[in-house]
Amino acid sequence: MGDCNAASAPDAESLTRMTEAKRKQTFAGSLLAARAAIVFAGPLANLLSADLVFSALAYCVGDTFVAPRIGAVLPGGAVAAAGLSPGDLARSVNDRPIGAFDELFVFVSLRPGEPIRFGVERAGHEITLIATPIATAVETPFGSQRLGRLGAVASSDAENFRLIRPGARKNSAFAPV
């Protein structure tokens, strides 16, 4: 009430014709604290709505889990030199258990040129192999960074992927769908 356009500019004519009680009900006639609360409430409602929508999506749809299984070994890469082969399942890196390919990717990326000990499951047997990630310069929005690369690709076999639904977990690391 009392606004003459979308920018909430007060309509001077209509404000002067209003009684004092009516003028206090307009946005322009409200106290500064009340106007600040109104202006703050819009973006807050947007933020809370977006949080609610994305939380509901994550809960209902879930997240994709990719097992740390080697799908392909690139020639000349650190993995090829270490003896890893397609089908190998990485169970640990430097004695730290890993459960997903993205964990393996992050661990290796942060250690260019450092030897890493891999606990690998191959054909039902546990073996240990050592690979040294090759330092690779990668352009990022923050400039050039050196990241470690193994020269391996995740397996694209259907059994290597699982959909994790938070509501479906039953005492296990992930619940296949």
C-alpha atoms as a PDB file:
ATOM      1  CA  MET A   1       0.000   0.000   0.000  1.00  0.00           C
ATOM      2  CA  GLY A   2       1.339   3.431  -0.939  1.00  0.00           C
ATOM      3  CA  ASP A   3       3.839   2.248  -3.566  1.00  0.00           C
ATOM      4  CA  CYS A   4       3.623   3.752  -7.016  1.00  0.00           C
ATOM      5  CA  ASN A   5       6.040   1.436  -8.878  1.00  0.00           C
ATOM      6  CA  ALA A   6       8.045  -1.788  -8.721  1.00  0.00           C
ATOM      7  CA  ALA A   7      10.969  -0.046  -6.977  1.00  0.00           C
ATOM      8  CA  SER A   8       8.713   0.616  -3.956  1.00  0.00           C
ATOM      9  CA  ALA A   9       8.973   4.355  -4.417  1.00  0.00           C
ATOM     10  CA  PRO A  10       6.273   5.978  -2.292  1.00  0.00           C
ATOM     11  CA  ASP A  11       3.391   7.704  -4.041  1.00  0.00           C
ATOM     12  CA  ALA A  12       3.683  11.159  -2.460  1.00  0.00           C
ATOM     13  CA  GLU A  13       0.173  12.269  -3.428  1.00  0.00           C
ATOM     14  CA  SER A  14      -1.594   9.289  -1.972  1.00  0.00           C
ATOM     15  CA  LEU A  15       0.547   9.392   1.205  1.00  0.00           C
ATOM     16  CA  THR A  16      -0.445  13.018   1.882  1.00  0.00           C
ATOM     17  CA  ARG A  17      -4.150  12.210   1.523  1.00  0.00           C
ATOM     18  CA  MET A  18      -3.928   9.297   3.994  1.00  0.00           C
ATOM     19  CA  THR A  19      -4.598   9.532   7.666  1.00  0.00           C
ATOM     20  CA  GLU A  20      -1.649   9.052   9.997  1.00  0.00           C
ATOM     21  CA  ALA A  21      -2.894   5.566  10.964  1.00  0.00           C
ATOM     22  CA  LYS A  22      -3.165   4.502   7.306  1.00  0.00           C
ATOM     23  CA  ARG A  23       0.272   5.974   6.484  1.00  0.00           C
ATOM     24  CA  LYS A  24       1.885   3.821   9.199  1.00  0.00           C
ATOM     25  CA  GLN A  25       0.467   0.721   7.460  1.00  0.00           C
ATOM     26  CA  THR A  26       2.358   1.504   4.231  1.00  0.00           C
ATOM     27  CA  PHE A  27       5.879   0.260   3.509  1.00  0.00           C
ATOM     28  CA  ALA A  28       7.226   3.831   3.276  1.00  0.00           C
ATOM     29  CA  GLY A  29       5.552   4.809   6.543  1.00  0.00           C
ATOM     30  CA  SER A  30       6.811   1.794   8.491  1.00  0.00           C
ATOM     31  CA  LEU A  31       9.683   1.944  10.932  1.00  0.00           C
ATOM     32  CA  LEU A  32      13.165   1.273   9.554  1.00  0.00           C
ATOM     33  CA  ALA A  33      13.396  -2.051  11.429  1.00  0.00           C
ATOM     34  CA  ALA A  34      10.105  -3.238   9.914  1.00  0.00           C
ATOM     35  CA  ARG A  35      11.207  -2.251   6.392  1.00  0.00           C
ATOM     36  CA  ALA A  36      14.558  -4.025   6.891  1.00  0.00           C
ATOM     37  CA  ALA A  37      12.759  -7.178   8.053  1.00  0.00           C
ATOM     38  CA  ILE A  38      10.506  -7.117   4.986  1.00  0.00           C
ATOM     39  CA  VAL A  39      13.461  -6.638   2.624  1.00  0.00           C
ATOM     40  CA  PHE A  40      15.409  -9.430   4.352  1.00  0.00           C
ATOM     41  CA  ALA A  41      12.458 -11.863   4.358  1.00  0.00           C
ATOM     42  CA  GLY A  42      12.352 -12.207   0.536  1.00  0.00           C
ATOM     43  CA  PRO A  43      15.900 -13.525   0.011  1.00  0.00           C
ATOM     44  CA  LEU A  44      15.616 -15.641   3.173  1.00  0.00           C
ATOM     45  CA  ALA A  45      12.460 -17.292   1.835  1.00  0.00           C
ATOM     46  CA  ASN A  46      14.252 -17.980  -1.486  1.00  0.00           C
ATOM     47  CA  LEU A  47      17.227 -19.533   0.312  1.00  0.00           C
ATOM     48  CA  LEU A  48      15.065 -21.733   2.539  1.00  0.00           C
ATOM     49  CA  SER A  49      12.899 -22.819  -0.396  1.00  0.00           C
ATOM     50  CA  ALA A  50      15.949 -23.805  -2.466  1.00  0.00           C
ATOM     51  CA  ASP A  51      17.414 -25.703   0.503  1.00  0.00           C
ATOM     52  CA  LEU A  52      14.140 -27.552   0.998  1.00  0.00           C
ATOM     53  CA  VAL A  53      13.827 -28.479  -2.694  1.00  0.00           C
ATOM     54  CA  PHE A  54      17.426 -29.716  -3.049  1.00  0.00           C
ATOM     55  CA  SER A  55      17.277 -31.617   0.250  1.00  0.00           C
ATOM     56  CA  ALA A  56      14.079 -33.343  -0.870  1.00  0.00           C
ATOM     57  CA  LEU A  57      15.671 -34.244  -4.218  1.00  0.00           C
ATOM     58  CA  ALA A  58      18.778 -35.652  -2.539  1.00  0.00           C
ATOM     59  CA  TYR A  59      16.636 -37.653  -0.138  1.00  0.00           C
ATOM     60  CA  CYS A  60      14.184 -39.001  -2.727  1.00  0.00           C
ATOM     61  CA  VAL A  61      16.519 -39.528  -5.682  1.00  0.00           C
ATOM     62  CA  GLY A  62      19.736 -40.356  -3.821  1.00  0.00           C
ATOM     63  CA  ASP A  63      23.337 -40.313  -4.990  1.00  0.00           C
ATOM     64  CA  THR A  64      25.374 -42.497  -7.314  1.00  0.00           C
ATOM     65  CA  PHE A  65      28.143 -44.620  -5.826  1.00  0.00           C
ATOM     66  CA  VAL A  66      30.965 -45.730  -8.151  1.00  0.00           C
ATOM     67  CA  ALA A  67      33.130 -48.551  -6.801  1.00  0.00           C
ATOM     68  CA  PRO A  68      36.928 -48.044  -7.092  1.00  0.00           C
ATOM     69  CA  ARG A  69      37.247 -50.732  -9.788  1.00  0.00           C
ATOM     70  CA  ILE A  70      39.737 -50.180 -12.620  1.00  0.00           C
ATOM     71  CA  GLY A  71      37.984 -50.276 -16.002  1.00  0.00           C
ATOM     72  CA  ALA A  72      40.852 -49.380 -18.306  1.00  0.00           C
ATOM     73  CA  VAL A  73      44.575 -48.783 -17.971  1.00  0.00           C
ATOM     74  CA  LEU A  74      46.101 -46.125 -20.191  1.00  0.00           C
ATOM     75  CA  PRO A  75      49.450 -47.071 -21.739  1.00  0.00           C
ATOM     76  CA  GLY A  76      52.408 -45.263 -20.205  1.00  0.00           C
ATOM     77  CA  GLY A  77      50.509 -44.346 -17.039  1.00  0.00           C
ATOM     78  CA  ALA A  78      51.566 -44.948 -13.450  1.00  0.00           C
ATOM     79  CA  VAL A  79      49.016 -47.750 -13.056  1.00  0.00           C
ATOM     80  CA  ALA A  80      50.380 -49.652 -16.053  1.00  0.00           C
ATOM     81  CA  ALA A  81      53.919 -49.403 -14.654  1.00  0.00           C
ATOM     82  CA  ALA A  82      52.733 -50.623 -11.227  1.00  0.00           C
ATOM     83  CA  GLY A  83      50.969 -53.679 -12.647  1.00  0.00           C
ATOM     84  CA  LEU A  84      47.326 -52.802 -12.003  1.00  0.00           C
ATOM     85  CA  SER A  85      44.965 -54.214 -14.602  1.00  0.00           C
ATOM     86  CA  PRO A  86      41.326 -53.819 -15.637  1.00  0.00           C
ATOM     87  CA  GLY A  87      38.976 -55.443 -13.139  1.00  0.00           C
ATOM     88  CA  ASP A  88      41.203 -54.757 -10.110  1.00  0.00           C
ATOM     89  CA  LEU A  89      39.302 -53.329  -7.142  1.00  0.00           C
ATOM     90  CA  ALA A  90      41.224 -50.800  -5.036  1.00  0.00           C
ATOM     91  CA  ARG A  91      40.476 -51.489  -1.369  1.00  0.00           C
ATOM     92  CA  SER A  92      42.996 -49.168   0.294  1.00  0.00           C
ATOM     93  CA  VAL A  93      45.550 -46.441  -0.405  1.00  0.00           C
ATOM     94  CA  ASN A  94      48.505 -46.111   1.982  1.00  0.00           C
ATOM     95  CA  ASP A  95      46.638 -48.444   4.379  1.00  0.00           C
ATOM     96  CA  ARG A  96      43.526 -46.203   4.408  1.00  0.00           C
ATOM     97  CA  PRO A  97      40.373 -47.980   3.280  1.00  0.00           C
ATOM     98  CA  ILE A  98      38.513 -46.446   0.343  1.00  0.00           C
ATOM     99  CA  GLY A  99      35.019 -47.214  -0.783  1.00  0.00           C
ATOM    100  CA  ALA A 100      34.400 -45.123  -3.886  1.00  0.00           C
ATOM    101  CA  PHE A 101      36.252 -44.092  -7.030  1.00  0.00           C
ATOM    102  CA  ASP A 102      35.984 -40.381  -6.179  1.00  0.00           C
ATOM    103  CA  GLU A 103      37.892 -41.023  -2.924  1.00  0.00           C
ATOM    104  CA  LEU A 104      40.654 -42.663  -4.965  1.00  0.00           C
ATOM    105  CA  PHE A 105      40.658 -39.742  -7.421  1.00  0.00           C
ATOM    106  CA  VAL A 106      41.009 -37.104  -4.677  1.00  0.00           C
ATOM    107  CA  PHE A 107      43.709 -39.039  -2.804  1.00  0.00           C
ATOM    108  CA  VAL A 108      45.823 -39.488  -5.944  1.00  0.00           C
ATOM    109  CA  SER A 109      45.260 -35.944  -7.250  1.00  0.00           C
ATOM    110  CA  LEU A 110      46.725 -34.439  -4.084  1.00  0.00           C
ATOM    111  CA  ARG A 111      49.917 -36.552  -4.233  1.00  0.00           C
ATOM    112  CA  PRO A 112      51.732 -35.958  -7.529  1.00  0.00           C
ATOM    113  CA  GLY A 113      55.096 -37.719  -7.596  1.00  0.00           C
ATOM    114  CA  GLU A 114      54.566 -39.499  -4.244  1.00  0.00           C
ATOM    115  CA  PRO A 115      54.632 -43.319  -4.220  1.00  0.00           C
ATOM    116  CA  ILE A 116      51.261 -44.694  -3.095  1.00  0.00           C
ATOM    117  CA  ARG A 117      50.704 -48.217  -1.763  1.00  0.00           C
ATOM    118  CA  PHE A 118      47.500 -49.761  -3.126  1.00  0.00           C
ATOM    119  CA  GLY A 119      45.706 -52.653  -1.493  1.00  0.00           C
ATOM    120  CA  VAL A 120      44.025 -54.335  -4.464  1.00  0.00           C
ATOM    121  CA  GLU A 121      41.577 -57.203  -4.779  1.00  0.00           C
ATOM    122  CA  ARG A 122      42.299 -59.235  -7.908  1.00  0.00           C
ATOM    123  CA  ALA A 123      40.399 -62.437  -8.661  1.00  0.00           C
ATOM    124  CA  GLY A 124      39.476 -62.822  -4.985  1.00  0.00           C
ATOM    125  CA  HIS A 125      43.054 -62.345  -3.688  1.00  0.00           C
ATOM    126  CA  GLU A 126      44.502 -59.319  -1.901  1.00  0.00           C
ATOM    127  CA  ILE A 127      47.732 -57.947  -3.361  1.00  0.00           C
ATOM    128  CA  THR A 128      49.756 -54.807  -2.702  1.00  0.00           C
ATOM    129  CA  LEU A 129      51.120 -52.658  -5.517  1.00  0.00           C
ATOM    130  CA  ILE A 130      52.978 -49.346  -5.482  1.00  0.00           C
ATOM    131  CA  ALA A 131      52.262 -46.636  -8.059  1.00  0.00           C
ATOM    132  CA  THR A 132      53.618 -43.101  -8.292  1.00  0.00           C
ATOM    133  CA  PRO A 133      51.103 -40.622  -9.740  1.00  0.00           C
ATOM    134  CA  ILE A 134      52.446 -38.622 -12.653  1.00  0.00           C
ATOM    135  CA  ALA A 135      52.468 -34.877 -11.971  1.00  0.00           C
ATOM    136  CA  THR A 136      50.259 -33.156 -14.529  1.00  0.00           C
ATOM    137  CA  ALA A 137      49.718 -29.406 -14.931  1.00  0.00           C
ATOM    138  CA  VAL A 138      46.008 -28.600 -15.007  1.00  0.00           C
ATOM    139  CA  GLU A 139      44.527 -25.174 -15.707  1.00  0.00           C
ATOM    140  CA  THR A 140      41.878 -24.137 -13.182  1.00  0.00           C
ATOM    141  CA  PRO A 141      40.092 -20.830 -12.579  1.00  0.00           C
ATOM    142  CA  PHE A 142      42.706 -20.227  -9.872  1.00  0.00           C
ATOM    143  CA  GLY A 143      45.685 -20.744 -12.183  1.00  0.00           C
ATOM    144  CA  SER A 144      47.808 -23.751 -13.067  1.00  0.00           C
ATOM    145  CA  GLN A 145      47.963 -26.573 -10.513  1.00  0.00           C
ATOM    146  CA  ARG A 146      49.993 -29.780 -10.355  1.00  0.00           C
ATOM    147  CA  LEU A 147      47.779 -32.804  -9.845  1.00  0.00           C
ATOM    148  CA  GLY A 148      48.639 -36.491  -9.662  1.00  0.00           C
ATOM    149  CA  ARG A 149      47.310 -38.796 -12.386  1.00  0.00           C
ATOM    150  CA  LEU A 150      47.421 -42.600 -12.448  1.00  0.00           C
ATOM    151  CA  GLY A 151      46.331 -43.284 -15.998  1.00  0.00           C
ATOM    152  CA  ALA A 152      43.292 -45.366 -15.061  1.00  0.00           C
ATOM    153  CA  VAL A 153      39.582 -45.082 -15.765  1.00  0.00           C
ATOM    154  CA  ALA A 154      36.715 -46.301 -13.582  1.00  0.00           C
ATOM    155  CA  SER A 155      34.911 -49.392 -14.738  1.00  0.00           C
ATOM    156  CA  SER A 156      31.710 -48.651 -16.647  1.00  0.00           C
ATOM    157  CA  ASP A 157      30.159 -52.050 -15.918  1.00  0.00           C
ATOM    158  CA  ALA A 158      26.646 -51.783 -14.509  1.00  0.00           C
ATOM    159  CA  GLU A 159      27.546 -53.709 -11.341  1.00  0.00           C
ATOM    160  CA  ASN A 160      30.181 -51.054 -10.552  1.00  0.00           C
ATOM    161  CA  PHE A 161      27.448 -48.444  -9.987  1.00  0.00           C
ATOM    162  CA  ARG A 162      24.992 -48.314  -7.098  1.00  0.00           C
ATOM    163  CA  LEU A 163      22.298 -45.799  -6.282  1.00  0.00           C
ATOM    164  CA  ILE A 164      22.351 -44.763  -2.649  1.00  0.00           C
ATOM    165  CA  ARG A 165      19.015 -43.730  -1.223  1.00  0.00           C
ATOM    166  CA  PRO A 166      19.376 -42.317   2.299  1.00  0.00           C
ATOM    167  CA  GLY A 167      16.037 -43.698   3.461  1.00  0.00           C
ATOM    168  CA  ALA A 168      16.821 -47.192   2.157  1.00  0.00           C
ATOM    169  CA  ARG A 169      19.998 -47.926   4.149  1.00  0.00           C
ATOM    170  CA  LYS A 170      19.846 -51.012   6.317  1.00  0.00           C
ATOM    171  CA  ASN A 171      23.097 -51.537   8.264  1.00  0.00           C
ATOM    172  CA  SER A 172      25.255 -51.418   5.145  1.00  0.00           C
ATOM    173  CA  ALA A 173      27.519 -48.976   3.381  1.00  0.00           C
ATOM    174  CA  PHE A 174      25.065 -48.660   0.500  1.00  0.00           C
ATOM    175  CA  ALA A 175      21.739 -50.079  -0.532  1.00  0.00           C
ATOM    176  CA  PRO A 176      21.527 -51.248  -4.147  1.00  0.00           C
ATOM    177  CA  VAL A 177      18.352 -50.372  -5.983  1.00  0.00           C
END
